[in-house]
Amino acid sequence: MDKSTKIYEAGHRGMAGSAIVRNLNKRGYNNILVRTSKELDLRNQQAVFDFFAQEKPEYVFLAAAKVGGILANNTYKASFLYDNIMIQSNAIEASRVHGVKKLLFLGSTCIYPKMAPQPLKEEYLLTGALEPTNEPYAIAKIAGIKMCDAFRHQYGCNFVSVMPTNLYGPNDNYDLHNSHVLPALLRKFHTAKVQQASHVEIWGTGSPLREFLHVDDMADACVHVMLNWNDYGFVNLGTGVDISIKDLALAVKDVVGFEGELKFDTSKPDGTPRKLTDVTRLHSLGWKHSIELRDGIAAVYSEVKDLFDQELKGNHVLREA
């Protein structure tokens, strides 16, 4: 990609998309095309085709998606399936029709079977049943991977896919009803500290193991893959290191400075027991993460603690679903 190449970043206001824009800017790319969801509804096929016909982007980062945690996935199953399939189908087909040189599709490691062997190798896709709590989202993302492969096979399109592990970082969603575990913990612990609560409640048993990748590392990996990977299948994006939810909570507690106890609500679902990516393919492309989890949590908390205080005062300043 030349520095002046027209690049369309779909989903630029989300955590992943905004990080990719920051990374591209840092690398000197100066012709980045963006649209808000109000300006361009990617679920509307005609609107998407008109946009591609008019703007003619040469490269596409497809980060736009409907996302959320266990509660959101369980509550809005139809929306997660329909919205994501429509978004990616329209963008991928429009990219083919209008001659996009290369497209990178972002998914999630929830595509893997619930009981897949660990760590998760790319070839484990479709070898078993999915985790029921996020099955619609996973099915949509699997369809996106298969679309990229099918378009490569039938039309010769250079469309590639990456599957990031759990992300955290700037521009995260802190809605306690719809957010992922790490931002929810940061907000819970900060609120408990300010209100001098005796304990913080954690969903589930605390035993599931999860891997976390700072979104700025993810963005750097996405651009690296865009520049260096041209093949079927997909590339896991992760650190290759995981942590239990209990230990994650203890780390957040320590960073925030909360002195109360943890209480685990075992009536709530745990989700997949373990999700650790095998990052052999990613490392073979010459990329490795640079932000360690504890450092990343501390950096994020320093960025958002004042916003948490504003929220507690009734000033709604956080991005929420």
C-alpha atoms as a PDB file:
ATOM      1  CA  MET A   1       0.000   0.000   0.000  1.00  0.00           C
ATOM      2  CA  ASP A   2       1.375   3.383  -1.005  1.00  0.00           C
ATOM      3  CA  LYS A   3       1.054   6.119   1.604  1.00  0.00           C
ATOM      4  CA  SER A   4      -1.500   7.910  -0.582  1.00  0.00           C
ATOM      5  CA  THR A   5      -3.548   4.775  -1.334  1.00  0.00           C
ATOM      6  CA  LYS A   6      -7.264   5.221  -0.634  1.00  0.00           C
ATOM      7  CA  ILE A   7      -8.076   2.972   2.314  1.00  0.00           C
ATOM      8  CA  TYR A   8     -11.614   2.440   3.609  1.00  0.00           C
ATOM      9  CA  GLU A   9     -11.792   1.659   7.321  1.00  0.00           C
ATOM     10  CA  ALA A  10     -15.254   0.260   8.035  1.00  0.00           C
ATOM     11  CA  GLY A  11     -16.164   0.644  11.689  1.00  0.00           C
ATOM     12  CA  HIS A  12     -13.772   3.485  12.488  1.00  0.00           C
ATOM     13  CA  ARG A  13     -15.650   4.583  15.608  1.00  0.00           C
ATOM     14  CA  GLY A  14     -15.407   1.208  17.292  1.00  0.00           C
ATOM     15  CA  MET A  15     -12.519   0.127  19.466  1.00  0.00           C
ATOM     16  CA  ALA A  16     -10.862  -2.032  16.789  1.00  0.00           C
ATOM     17  CA  GLY A  17     -11.538   0.278  13.849  1.00  0.00           C
ATOM     18  CA  SER A  18     -10.381   3.421  15.625  1.00  0.00           C
ATOM     19  CA  ALA A  19      -7.150   1.673  16.610  1.00  0.00           C
ATOM     20  CA  ILE A  20      -6.516   0.672  12.990  1.00  0.00           C
ATOM     21  CA  VAL A  21      -7.019   4.283  11.906  1.00  0.00           C
ATOM     22  CA  ARG A  22      -4.524   5.417  14.563  1.00  0.00           C
ATOM     23  CA  ASN A  23      -2.017   2.832  13.385  1.00  0.00           C
ATOM     24  CA  LEU A  24      -2.402   3.775   9.720  1.00  0.00           C
ATOM     25  CA  ASN A  25      -1.952   7.439  10.586  1.00  0.00           C
ATOM     26  CA  LYS A  26       1.138   6.603  12.625  1.00  0.00           C
ATOM     27  CA  ARG A  27       2.572   4.736   9.634  1.00  0.00           C
ATOM     28  CA  GLY A  28       1.998   7.728   7.375  1.00  0.00           C
ATOM     29  CA  TYR A  29      -1.086   6.655   5.423  1.00  0.00           C
ATOM     30  CA  ASN A  30      -2.909   9.887   4.654  1.00  0.00           C
ATOM     31  CA  ASN A  31      -5.914   8.919   2.523  1.00  0.00           C
ATOM     32  CA  ILE A  32      -8.181   7.066   4.918  1.00  0.00           C
ATOM     33  CA  LEU A  33     -11.877   6.942   4.095  1.00  0.00           C
ATOM     34  CA  VAL A  34     -14.423   6.650   6.920  1.00  0.00           C
ATOM     35  CA  ARG A  35     -18.182   6.859   7.370  1.00  0.00           C
ATOM     36  CA  THR A  36     -20.304   6.690  10.507  1.00  0.00           C
ATOM     37  CA  SER A  37     -23.145   4.183  10.650  1.00  0.00           C
ATOM     38  CA  LYS A  38     -25.588   7.061  10.263  1.00  0.00           C
ATOM     39  CA  GLU A  39     -23.798   8.222   7.114  1.00  0.00           C
ATOM     40  CA  LEU A  40     -23.563   4.696   5.696  1.00  0.00           C
ATOM     41  CA  ASP A  41     -25.649   1.792   6.975  1.00  0.00           C
ATOM     42  CA  LEU A  42     -23.584  -1.219   5.941  1.00  0.00           C
ATOM     43  CA  ARG A  43     -26.677  -3.409   6.274  1.00  0.00           C
ATOM     44  CA  ASN A  44     -28.187  -1.555   3.303  1.00  0.00           C
ATOM     45  CA  GLN A  45     -26.870  -3.204   0.137  1.00  0.00           C
ATOM     46  CA  GLN A  46     -27.729  -0.395  -2.257  1.00  0.00           C
ATOM     47  CA  ALA A  47     -26.183   2.226   0.000  1.00  0.00           C
ATOM     48  CA  VAL A  48     -22.984   0.187   0.266  1.00  0.00           C
ATOM     49  CA  PHE A  49     -22.733  -0.363  -3.497  1.00  0.00           C
ATOM     50  CA  ASP A  50     -23.344   3.328  -4.170  1.00  0.00           C
ATOM     51  CA  PHE A  51     -20.623   4.258  -1.692  1.00  0.00           C
ATOM     52  CA  PHE A  52     -18.056   1.910  -3.261  1.00  0.00           C
ATOM     53  CA  ALA A  53     -18.981   3.074  -6.764  1.00  0.00           C
ATOM     54  CA  GLN A  54     -18.479   6.700  -5.793  1.00  0.00           C
ATOM     55  CA  GLU A  55     -15.382   6.452  -3.580  1.00  0.00           C
ATOM     56  CA  LYS A  56     -13.549   3.497  -5.196  1.00  0.00           C
ATOM     57  CA  PRO A  57     -11.374   2.478  -2.231  1.00  0.00           C
ATOM     58  CA  GLU A  58      -8.334   0.356  -3.102  1.00  0.00           C
ATOM     59  CA  TYR A  59      -7.949  -1.359   0.282  1.00  0.00           C
ATOM     60  CA  VAL A  60     -10.595  -2.191   2.902  1.00  0.00           C
ATOM     61  CA  PHE A  61     -10.298  -2.959   6.606  1.00  0.00           C
ATOM     62  CA  LEU A  62     -13.649  -4.510   7.530  1.00  0.00           C
ATOM     63  CA  ALA A  63     -13.872  -3.934  11.292  1.00  0.00           C
ATOM     64  CA  ALA A  64     -17.540  -2.901  11.414  1.00  0.00           C
ATOM     65  CA  ALA A  65     -19.673  -5.305  13.441  1.00  0.00           C
ATOM     66  CA  LYS A  66     -22.336  -5.619  16.086  1.00  0.00           C
ATOM     67  CA  VAL A  67     -20.423  -6.738  19.171  1.00  0.00           C
ATOM     68  CA  GLY A  68     -21.000  -7.378  22.875  1.00  0.00           C
ATOM     69  CA  GLY A  69     -20.437  -9.697  25.817  1.00  0.00           C
ATOM     70  CA  ILE A  70     -22.291 -12.800  27.038  1.00  0.00           C
ATOM     71  CA  LEU A  71     -25.433 -10.931  28.120  1.00  0.00           C
ATOM     72  CA  ALA A  72     -25.755  -8.999  24.863  1.00  0.00           C
ATOM     73  CA  ASN A  73     -25.097 -12.100  22.738  1.00  0.00           C
ATOM     74  CA  ASN A  74     -27.697 -14.098  24.655  1.00  0.00           C
ATOM     75  CA  THR A  75     -30.310 -11.347  24.536  1.00  0.00           C
ATOM     76  CA  TYR A  76     -29.995 -10.156  20.920  1.00  0.00           C
ATOM     77  CA  LYS A  77     -29.353 -13.397  19.049  1.00  0.00           C
ATOM     78  CA  ALA A  78     -31.276 -12.425  15.917  1.00  0.00           C
ATOM     79  CA  SER A  79     -29.640  -8.997  15.699  1.00  0.00           C
ATOM     80  CA  PHE A  80     -26.136 -10.399  16.134  1.00  0.00           C
ATOM     81  CA  LEU A  81     -26.719 -12.904  13.343  1.00  0.00           C
ATOM     82  CA  TYR A  82     -28.573 -10.676  10.883  1.00  0.00           C
ATOM     83  CA  ASP A  83     -26.614  -7.444  11.322  1.00  0.00           C
ATOM     84  CA  ASN A  84     -23.193  -9.047  11.079  1.00  0.00           C
ATOM     85  CA  ILE A  85     -24.020 -11.198   8.076  1.00  0.00           C
ATOM     86  CA  MET A  86     -25.486  -8.217   6.232  1.00  0.00           C
ATOM     87  CA  ILE A  87     -22.583  -5.885   7.091  1.00  0.00           C
ATOM     88  CA  GLN A  88     -19.867  -8.243   5.926  1.00  0.00           C
ATOM     89  CA  SER A  89     -21.746  -9.659   2.931  1.00  0.00           C
ATOM     90  CA  ASN A  90     -22.460  -6.227   1.506  1.00  0.00           C
ATOM     91  CA  ALA A  91     -18.923  -4.940   2.059  1.00  0.00           C
ATOM     92  CA  ILE A  92     -17.245  -8.059   0.662  1.00  0.00           C
ATOM     93  CA  GLU A  93     -19.417  -8.234  -2.471  1.00  0.00           C
ATOM     94  CA  ALA A  94     -19.090  -4.490  -3.097  1.00  0.00           C
ATOM     95  CA  SER A  95     -15.312  -4.840  -2.767  1.00  0.00           C
ATOM     96  CA  ARG A  96     -15.349  -7.548  -5.442  1.00  0.00           C
ATOM     97  CA  VAL A  97     -17.626  -5.670  -7.817  1.00  0.00           C
ATOM     98  CA  HIS A  98     -15.685  -2.427  -7.539  1.00  0.00           C
ATOM     99  CA  GLY A  99     -12.204  -3.888  -7.815  1.00  0.00           C
ATOM    100  CA  VAL A 100     -10.792  -3.497  -4.297  1.00  0.00           C
ATOM    101  CA  LYS A 101      -7.168  -4.707  -4.389  1.00  0.00           C
ATOM    102  CA  LYS A 102      -7.249  -6.255  -0.936  1.00  0.00           C
ATOM    103  CA  LEU A 103      -9.690  -6.612   1.938  1.00  0.00           C
ATOM    104  CA  LEU A 104      -8.978  -7.619   5.527  1.00  0.00           C
ATOM    105  CA  PHE A 105     -11.922  -9.056   7.464  1.00  0.00           C
ATOM    106  CA  LEU A 106     -11.907  -8.965  11.275  1.00  0.00           C
ATOM    107  CA  GLY A 107     -13.623 -11.696  13.219  1.00  0.00           C
ATOM    108  CA  SER A 108     -13.163 -13.132  16.697  1.00  0.00           C
ATOM    109  CA  THR A 109     -11.775 -16.254  18.338  1.00  0.00           C
ATOM    110  CA  CYS A 110     -15.339 -17.126  19.413  1.00  0.00           C
ATOM    111  CA  ILE A 111     -15.484 -18.886  16.016  1.00  0.00           C
ATOM    112  CA  TYR A 112     -13.784 -21.922  17.564  1.00  0.00           C
ATOM    113  CA  PRO A 113     -15.638 -24.937  19.003  1.00  0.00           C
ATOM    114  CA  LYS A 114     -16.396 -24.640  22.705  1.00  0.00           C
ATOM    115  CA  MET A 115     -14.331 -27.702  23.575  1.00  0.00           C
ATOM    116  CA  ALA A 116     -11.583 -27.287  20.968  1.00  0.00           C
ATOM    117  CA  PRO A 117      -8.081 -28.383  22.011  1.00  0.00           C
ATOM    118  CA  GLN A 118      -5.887 -25.661  23.458  1.00  0.00           C
ATOM    119  CA  PRO A 119      -4.170 -23.598  22.256  1.00  0.00           C
ATOM    120  CA  LEU A 120      -6.524 -22.835  19.366  1.00  0.00           C
ATOM    121  CA  LYS A 121      -4.960 -23.572  15.992  1.00  0.00           C
ATOM    122  CA  GLU A 122      -6.526 -22.115  12.866  1.00  0.00           C
ATOM    123  CA  GLU A 123      -7.267 -25.608  11.541  1.00  0.00           C
ATOM    124  CA  TYR A 124      -9.635 -26.316  14.474  1.00  0.00           C
ATOM    125  CA  LEU A 125     -12.356 -24.235  12.816  1.00  0.00           C
ATOM    126  CA  LEU A 126     -15.615 -26.208  12.333  1.00  0.00           C
ATOM    127  CA  THR A 127     -14.394 -29.295  14.201  1.00  0.00           C
ATOM    128  CA  GLY A 128     -17.055 -29.172  16.933  1.00  0.00           C
ATOM    129  CA  ALA A 129     -20.049 -27.421  18.482  1.00  0.00           C
ATOM    130  CA  LEU A 130     -19.842 -23.722  19.276  1.00  0.00           C
ATOM    131  CA  GLU A 131     -20.312 -22.022  22.647  1.00  0.00           C
ATOM    132  CA  PRO A 132     -24.134 -21.503  22.813  1.00  0.00           C
ATOM    133  CA  THR A 133     -23.953 -18.066  24.457  1.00  0.00           C
ATOM    134  CA  ASN A 134     -22.355 -16.440  21.408  1.00  0.00           C
ATOM    135  CA  GLU A 135     -23.270 -18.871  18.635  1.00  0.00           C
ATOM    136  CA  PRO A 136     -25.046 -16.347  16.338  1.00  0.00           C
ATOM    137  CA  TYR A 137     -22.069 -13.968  16.344  1.00  0.00           C
ATOM    138  CA  ALA A 138     -19.661 -16.859  15.796  1.00  0.00           C
ATOM    139  CA  ILE A 139     -21.685 -18.239  12.884  1.00  0.00           C
ATOM    140  CA  ALA A 140     -21.710 -14.815  11.233  1.00  0.00           C
ATOM    141  CA  LYS A 141     -17.934 -14.494  11.567  1.00  0.00           C
ATOM    142  CA  ILE A 142     -17.356 -18.013  10.258  1.00  0.00           C
ATOM    143  CA  ALA A 143     -19.482 -17.077   7.256  1.00  0.00           C
ATOM    144  CA  GLY A 144     -17.212 -14.049   6.738  1.00  0.00           C
ATOM    145  CA  ILE A 145     -14.085 -16.210   6.720  1.00  0.00           C
ATOM    146  CA  LYS A 146     -15.665 -18.618   4.256  1.00  0.00           C
ATOM    147  CA  MET A 147     -16.827 -15.736   2.057  1.00  0.00           C
ATOM    148  CA  CYS A 148     -13.288 -14.383   1.819  1.00  0.00           C
ATOM    149  CA  ASP A 149     -11.991 -17.839   0.914  1.00  0.00           C
ATOM    150  CA  ALA A 150     -14.786 -18.445  -1.604  1.00  0.00           C
ATOM    151  CA  PHE A 151     -14.243 -15.078  -3.275  1.00  0.00           C
ATOM    152  CA  ARG A 152     -10.525 -15.861  -3.502  1.00  0.00           C
ATOM    153  CA  HIS A 153     -11.338 -19.236  -5.078  1.00  0.00           C
ATOM    154  CA  GLN A 154     -14.059 -18.129  -7.517  1.00  0.00           C
ATOM    155  CA  TYR A 155     -12.993 -14.591  -8.392  1.00  0.00           C
ATOM    156  CA  GLY A 156      -9.316 -14.387  -7.450  1.00  0.00           C
ATOM    157  CA  CYS A 157      -9.997 -11.686  -4.843  1.00  0.00           C
ATOM    158  CA  ASN A 158      -7.196 -11.038  -2.366  1.00  0.00           C
ATOM    159  CA  PHE A 159      -9.475 -11.083   0.672  1.00  0.00           C
ATOM    160  CA  VAL A 160      -7.922 -12.228   3.973  1.00  0.00           C
ATOM    161  CA  SER A 161      -9.195 -12.740   7.514  1.00  0.00           C
ATOM    162  CA  VAL A 162      -7.851 -12.224  11.028  1.00  0.00           C
ATOM    163  CA  MET A 163      -9.355 -13.496  14.265  1.00  0.00           C
ATOM    164  CA  PRO A 164      -8.356 -11.364  17.269  1.00  0.00           C
ATOM    165  CA  THR A 165      -8.599 -12.679  20.804  1.00  0.00           C
ATOM    166  CA  ASN A 166     -10.271 -10.603  23.559  1.00  0.00           C
ATOM    167  CA  LEU A 167      -9.422  -6.935  23.082  1.00  0.00           C
ATOM    168  CA  TYR A 168      -9.145  -4.026  25.465  1.00  0.00           C
ATOM    169  CA  GLY A 169      -7.896  -0.463  25.257  1.00  0.00           C
ATOM    170  CA  PRO A 170      -8.917   3.039  24.139  1.00  0.00           C
ATOM    171  CA  ASN A 171     -12.483   3.579  22.965  1.00  0.00           C
ATOM    172  CA  ASP A 172     -13.788   0.447  24.680  1.00  0.00           C
ATOM    173  CA  ASN A 173     -17.442  -0.029  25.649  1.00  0.00           C
ATOM    174  CA  TYR A 174     -18.062   0.367  29.390  1.00  0.00           C
ATOM    175  CA  ASP A 175     -21.789  -0.352  29.516  1.00  0.00           C
ATOM    176  CA  LEU A 176     -22.108  -2.903  32.336  1.00  0.00           C
ATOM    177  CA  HIS A 177     -24.976  -4.627  30.499  1.00  0.00           C
ATOM    178  CA  ASN A 178     -23.204  -5.003  27.147  1.00  0.00           C
ATOM    179  CA  SER A 179     -19.451  -4.742  27.667  1.00  0.00           C
ATOM    180  CA  HIS A 180     -16.755  -7.403  27.732  1.00  0.00           C
ATOM    181  CA  VAL A 181     -15.183  -8.627  30.939  1.00  0.00           C
ATOM    182  CA  LEU A 182     -12.114  -6.397  31.294  1.00  0.00           C
ATOM    183  CA  PRO A 183     -13.793  -2.984  30.783  1.00  0.00           C
ATOM    184  CA  ALA A 184     -16.673  -4.133  33.000  1.00  0.00           C
ATOM    185  CA  LEU A 185     -14.218  -5.055  35.756  1.00  0.00           C
ATOM    186  CA  LEU A 186     -12.419  -1.714  35.493  1.00  0.00           C
ATOM    187  CA  ARG A 187     -15.667   0.183  35.892  1.00  0.00           C
ATOM    188  CA  LYS A 188     -16.958  -2.076  38.673  1.00  0.00           C
ATOM    189  CA  PHE A 189     -13.775  -1.825  40.727  1.00  0.00           C
ATOM    190  CA  HIS A 190     -13.471   1.937  40.294  1.00  0.00           C
ATOM    191  CA  THR A 191     -17.090   2.443  41.328  1.00  0.00           C
ATOM    192  CA  ALA A 192     -16.622   0.161  44.331  1.00  0.00           C
ATOM    193  CA  LYS A 193     -13.494   2.056  45.356  1.00  0.00           C
ATOM    194  CA  VAL A 194     -15.162   5.457  45.148  1.00  0.00           C
ATOM    195  CA  GLN A 195     -18.267   4.254  46.983  1.00  0.00           C
ATOM    196  CA  GLN A 196     -16.178   2.342  49.537  1.00  0.00           C
ATOM    197  CA  ALA A 197     -18.062  -0.884  48.854  1.00  0.00           C
ATOM    198  CA  SER A 198     -17.182  -4.010  50.796  1.00  0.00           C
ATOM    199  CA  HIS A 199     -16.978  -6.254  47.753  1.00  0.00           C
ATOM    200  CA  VAL A 200     -17.226  -6.519  43.977  1.00  0.00           C
ATOM    201  CA  GLU A 201     -19.398  -9.180  42.365  1.00  0.00           C
ATOM    202  CA  ILE A 202     -17.880 -11.190  39.510  1.00  0.00           C
ATOM    203  CA  TRP A 203     -19.973 -13.248  37.113  1.00  0.00           C
ATOM    204  CA  GLY A 204     -19.336 -17.007  37.174  1.00  0.00           C
ATOM    205  CA  THR A 205     -16.782 -19.033  39.069  1.00  0.00           C
ATOM    206  CA  GLY A 206     -13.684 -17.096  38.049  1.00  0.00           C
ATOM    207  CA  SER A 207     -12.101 -20.241  36.633  1.00  0.00           C
ATOM    208  CA  PRO A 208     -12.367 -19.657  32.844  1.00  0.00           C
ATOM    209  CA  LEU A 209      -9.093 -18.740  31.175  1.00  0.00           C
ATOM    210  CA  ARG A 210      -8.950 -15.832  28.766  1.00  0.00           C
ATOM    211  CA  GLU A 211      -6.327 -14.162  26.617  1.00  0.00           C
ATOM    212  CA  PHE A 212      -6.213 -10.382  26.208  1.00  0.00           C
ATOM    213  CA  LEU A 213      -4.631  -8.299  23.473  1.00  0.00           C
ATOM    214  CA  HIS A 214      -4.295  -4.520  23.672  1.00  0.00           C
ATOM    215  CA  VAL A 215      -6.204  -3.008  20.768  1.00  0.00           C
ATOM    216  CA  ASP A 216      -3.180  -0.979  19.643  1.00  0.00           C
ATOM    217  CA  ASP A 217      -1.243  -4.236  19.302  1.00  0.00           C
ATOM    218  CA  MET A 218      -4.184  -5.736  17.412  1.00  0.00           C
ATOM    219  CA  ALA A 219      -4.242  -2.797  15.006  1.00  0.00           C
ATOM    220  CA  ASP A 220      -0.529  -3.095  14.348  1.00  0.00           C
ATOM    221  CA  ALA A 221      -0.990  -6.817  13.691  1.00  0.00           C
ATOM    222  CA  CYS A 222      -3.883  -6.107  11.285  1.00  0.00           C
ATOM    223  CA  VAL A 223      -1.807  -3.725   9.191  1.00  0.00           C
ATOM    224  CA  HIS A 224       1.120  -6.160   9.291  1.00  0.00           C
ATOM    225  CA  VAL A 225      -1.132  -8.969   8.031  1.00  0.00           C
ATOM    226  CA  MET A 226      -2.567  -6.688   5.339  1.00  0.00           C
ATOM    227  CA  LEU A 227       0.955  -6.084   4.118  1.00  0.00           C
ATOM    228  CA  ASN A 228       2.302  -9.636   4.494  1.00  0.00           C
ATOM    229  CA  TRP A 229      -0.432 -12.321   4.264  1.00  0.00           C
ATOM    230  CA  ASN A 230      -2.097 -13.382   1.007  1.00  0.00           C
ATOM    231  CA  ASP A 231      -3.695 -16.784   1.400  1.00  0.00           C
ATOM    232  CA  TYR A 232      -6.746 -18.859   2.246  1.00  0.00           C
ATOM    233  CA  GLY A 233      -7.813 -19.331   5.843  1.00  0.00           C
ATOM    234  CA  PHE A 234      -7.122 -16.773   8.523  1.00  0.00           C
ATOM    235  CA  VAL A 235      -4.560 -15.608  11.065  1.00  0.00           C
ATOM    236  CA  ASN A 236      -5.094 -15.708  14.834  1.00  0.00           C
ATOM    237  CA  LEU A 237      -4.216 -12.408  16.505  1.00  0.00           C
ATOM    238  CA  GLY A 238      -3.191 -12.796  20.133  1.00  0.00           C
ATOM    239  CA  THR A 239      -0.415 -12.994  22.681  1.00  0.00           C
ATOM    240  CA  GLY A 240      -0.324 -16.747  23.236  1.00  0.00           C
ATOM    241  CA  VAL A 241      -0.677 -16.109  27.004  1.00  0.00           C
ATOM    242  CA  ASP A 242      -3.869 -16.455  29.079  1.00  0.00           C
ATOM    243  CA  ILE A 243      -5.107 -15.665  32.596  1.00  0.00           C
ATOM    244  CA  SER A 244      -8.042 -16.836  34.734  1.00  0.00           C
ATOM    245  CA  ILE A 245     -10.953 -14.446  35.249  1.00  0.00           C
ATOM    246  CA  LYS A 246     -10.205 -14.546  38.982  1.00  0.00           C
ATOM    247  CA  ASP A 247      -6.576 -13.536  38.460  1.00  0.00           C
ATOM    248  CA  LEU A 248      -7.669 -10.887  35.975  1.00  0.00           C
ATOM    249  CA  ALA A 249     -10.053  -9.478  38.585  1.00  0.00           C
ATOM    250  CA  LEU A 250      -7.265  -9.470  41.171  1.00  0.00           C
ATOM    251  CA  ALA A 251      -4.984  -7.623  38.726  1.00  0.00           C
ATOM    252  CA  VAL A 252      -7.647  -4.993  38.027  1.00  0.00           C
ATOM    253  CA  LYS A 253      -8.356  -4.703  41.753  1.00  0.00           C
ATOM    254  CA  ASP A 254      -4.671  -4.038  42.370  1.00  0.00           C
ATOM    255  CA  VAL A 255      -4.348  -1.472  39.554  1.00  0.00           C
ATOM    256  CA  VAL A 256      -7.463   0.393  40.707  1.00  0.00           C
ATOM    257  CA  GLY A 257      -6.516   0.198  44.369  1.00  0.00           C
ATOM    258  CA  PHE A 258      -9.738  -1.365  45.633  1.00  0.00           C
ATOM    259  CA  GLU A 259      -9.338  -2.957  49.061  1.00  0.00           C
ATOM    260  CA  GLY A 260     -12.561  -4.958  49.384  1.00  0.00           C
ATOM    261  CA  GLU A 261     -13.329  -8.579  48.572  1.00  0.00           C
ATOM    262  CA  LEU A 262     -14.298 -10.486  45.456  1.00  0.00           C
ATOM    263  CA  LYS A 263     -17.575 -12.396  45.394  1.00  0.00           C
ATOM    264  CA  PHE A 264     -18.340 -14.807  42.564  1.00  0.00           C
ATOM    265  CA  ASP A 265     -21.934 -15.233  41.392  1.00  0.00           C
ATOM    266  CA  THR A 266     -21.852 -18.877  40.322  1.00  0.00           C
ATOM    267  CA  SER A 267     -25.455 -18.681  39.066  1.00  0.00           C
ATOM    268  CA  LYS A 268     -24.148 -16.680  36.104  1.00  0.00           C
ATOM    269  CA  PRO A 269     -22.635 -18.458  33.060  1.00  0.00           C
ATOM    270  CA  ASP A 270     -18.898 -18.894  32.679  1.00  0.00           C
ATOM    271  CA  GLY A 271     -18.894 -19.253  28.898  1.00  0.00           C
ATOM    272  CA  THR A 272     -16.116 -21.164  27.190  1.00  0.00           C
ATOM    273  CA  PRO A 273     -13.737 -22.783  29.736  1.00  0.00           C
ATOM    274  CA  ARG A 274     -10.588 -21.663  27.948  1.00  0.00           C
ATOM    275  CA  LYS A 275      -9.719 -19.607  24.878  1.00  0.00           C
ATOM    276  CA  LEU A 276      -6.021 -19.370  24.112  1.00  0.00           C
ATOM    277  CA  THR A 277      -4.840 -18.747  20.566  1.00  0.00           C
ATOM    278  CA  ASP A 278      -1.988 -20.505  18.890  1.00  0.00           C
ATOM    279  CA  VAL A 279      -0.054 -17.595  17.380  1.00  0.00           C
ATOM    280  CA  THR A 280       2.507 -19.635  15.448  1.00  0.00           C
ATOM    281  CA  ARG A 281       1.204 -18.391  12.092  1.00  0.00           C
ATOM    282  CA  LEU A 282       1.232 -14.762  13.276  1.00  0.00           C
ATOM    283  CA  HIS A 283       4.780 -15.077  14.630  1.00  0.00           C
ATOM    284  CA  SER A 284       5.898 -16.708  11.379  1.00  0.00           C
ATOM    285  CA  LEU A 285       4.846 -13.483   9.614  1.00  0.00           C
ATOM    286  CA  GLY A 286       7.283 -11.576  11.810  1.00  0.00           C
ATOM    287  CA  TRP A 287       4.890  -9.986  14.306  1.00  0.00           C
ATOM    288  CA  LYS A 288       4.660 -10.305  18.109  1.00  0.00           C
ATOM    289  CA  HIS A 289       2.724  -8.302  20.712  1.00  0.00           C
ATOM    290  CA  SER A 290       4.552  -5.548  22.591  1.00  0.00           C
ATOM    291  CA  ILE A 291       2.106  -4.493  25.355  1.00  0.00           C
ATOM    292  CA  GLU A 292       1.998  -6.810  28.378  1.00  0.00           C
ATOM    293  CA  LEU A 293      -1.363  -7.207  30.138  1.00  0.00           C
ATOM    294  CA  ARG A 294      -0.570  -5.551  33.483  1.00  0.00           C
ATOM    295  CA  ASP A 295       1.001  -2.544  31.713  1.00  0.00           C
ATOM    296  CA  GLY A 296      -1.954  -2.323  29.370  1.00  0.00           C
ATOM    297  CA  ILE A 297      -4.518  -2.407  32.192  1.00  0.00           C
ATOM    298  CA  ALA A 298      -2.660   0.347  34.052  1.00  0.00           C
ATOM    299  CA  ALA A 299      -2.503   2.507  30.916  1.00  0.00           C
ATOM    300  CA  VAL A 300      -6.204   2.046  30.187  1.00  0.00           C
ATOM    301  CA  TYR A 301      -7.202   2.816  33.769  1.00  0.00           C
ATOM    302  CA  SER A 302      -5.175   6.021  33.775  1.00  0.00           C
ATOM    303  CA  GLU A 303      -7.077   7.074  30.641  1.00  0.00           C
ATOM    304  CA  VAL A 304     -10.592   6.309  31.876  1.00  0.00           C
ATOM    305  CA  LYS A 305     -10.683   6.843  35.651  1.00  0.00           C
ATOM    306  CA  ASP A 306     -11.607  10.520  35.286  1.00  0.00           C
ATOM    307  CA  LEU A 307     -14.379   9.520  32.897  1.00  0.00           C
ATOM    308  CA  PHE A 308     -15.642   6.996  35.451  1.00  0.00           C
ATOM    309  CA  ASP A 309     -15.767   9.803  38.005  1.00  0.00           C
ATOM    310  CA  GLN A 310     -17.766  11.944  35.581  1.00  0.00           C
ATOM    311  CA  GLU A 311     -20.209   9.073  35.057  1.00  0.00           C
ATOM    312  CA  LEU A 312     -20.671   8.680  38.805  1.00  0.00           C
ATOM    313  CA  LYS A 313     -21.543  12.379  38.963  1.00  0.00           C
ATOM    314  CA  GLY A 314     -24.222  11.892  36.328  1.00  0.00           C
ATOM    315  CA  ASN A 315     -22.305  13.317  33.385  1.00  0.00           C
ATOM    316  CA  HIS A 316     -22.637  10.694  30.652  1.00  0.00           C
ATOM    317  CA  VAL A 317     -19.293  10.812  28.870  1.00  0.00           C
ATOM    318  CA  LEU A 318     -18.459   7.150  28.280  1.00  0.00           C
ATOM    319  CA  ARG A 319     -19.100   5.389  24.995  1.00  0.00           C
ATOM    320  CA  GLU A 320     -21.755   2.803  25.729  1.00  0.00           C
ATOM    321  CA  ALA A 321     -23.739   0.383  23.611  1.00  0.00           C
END
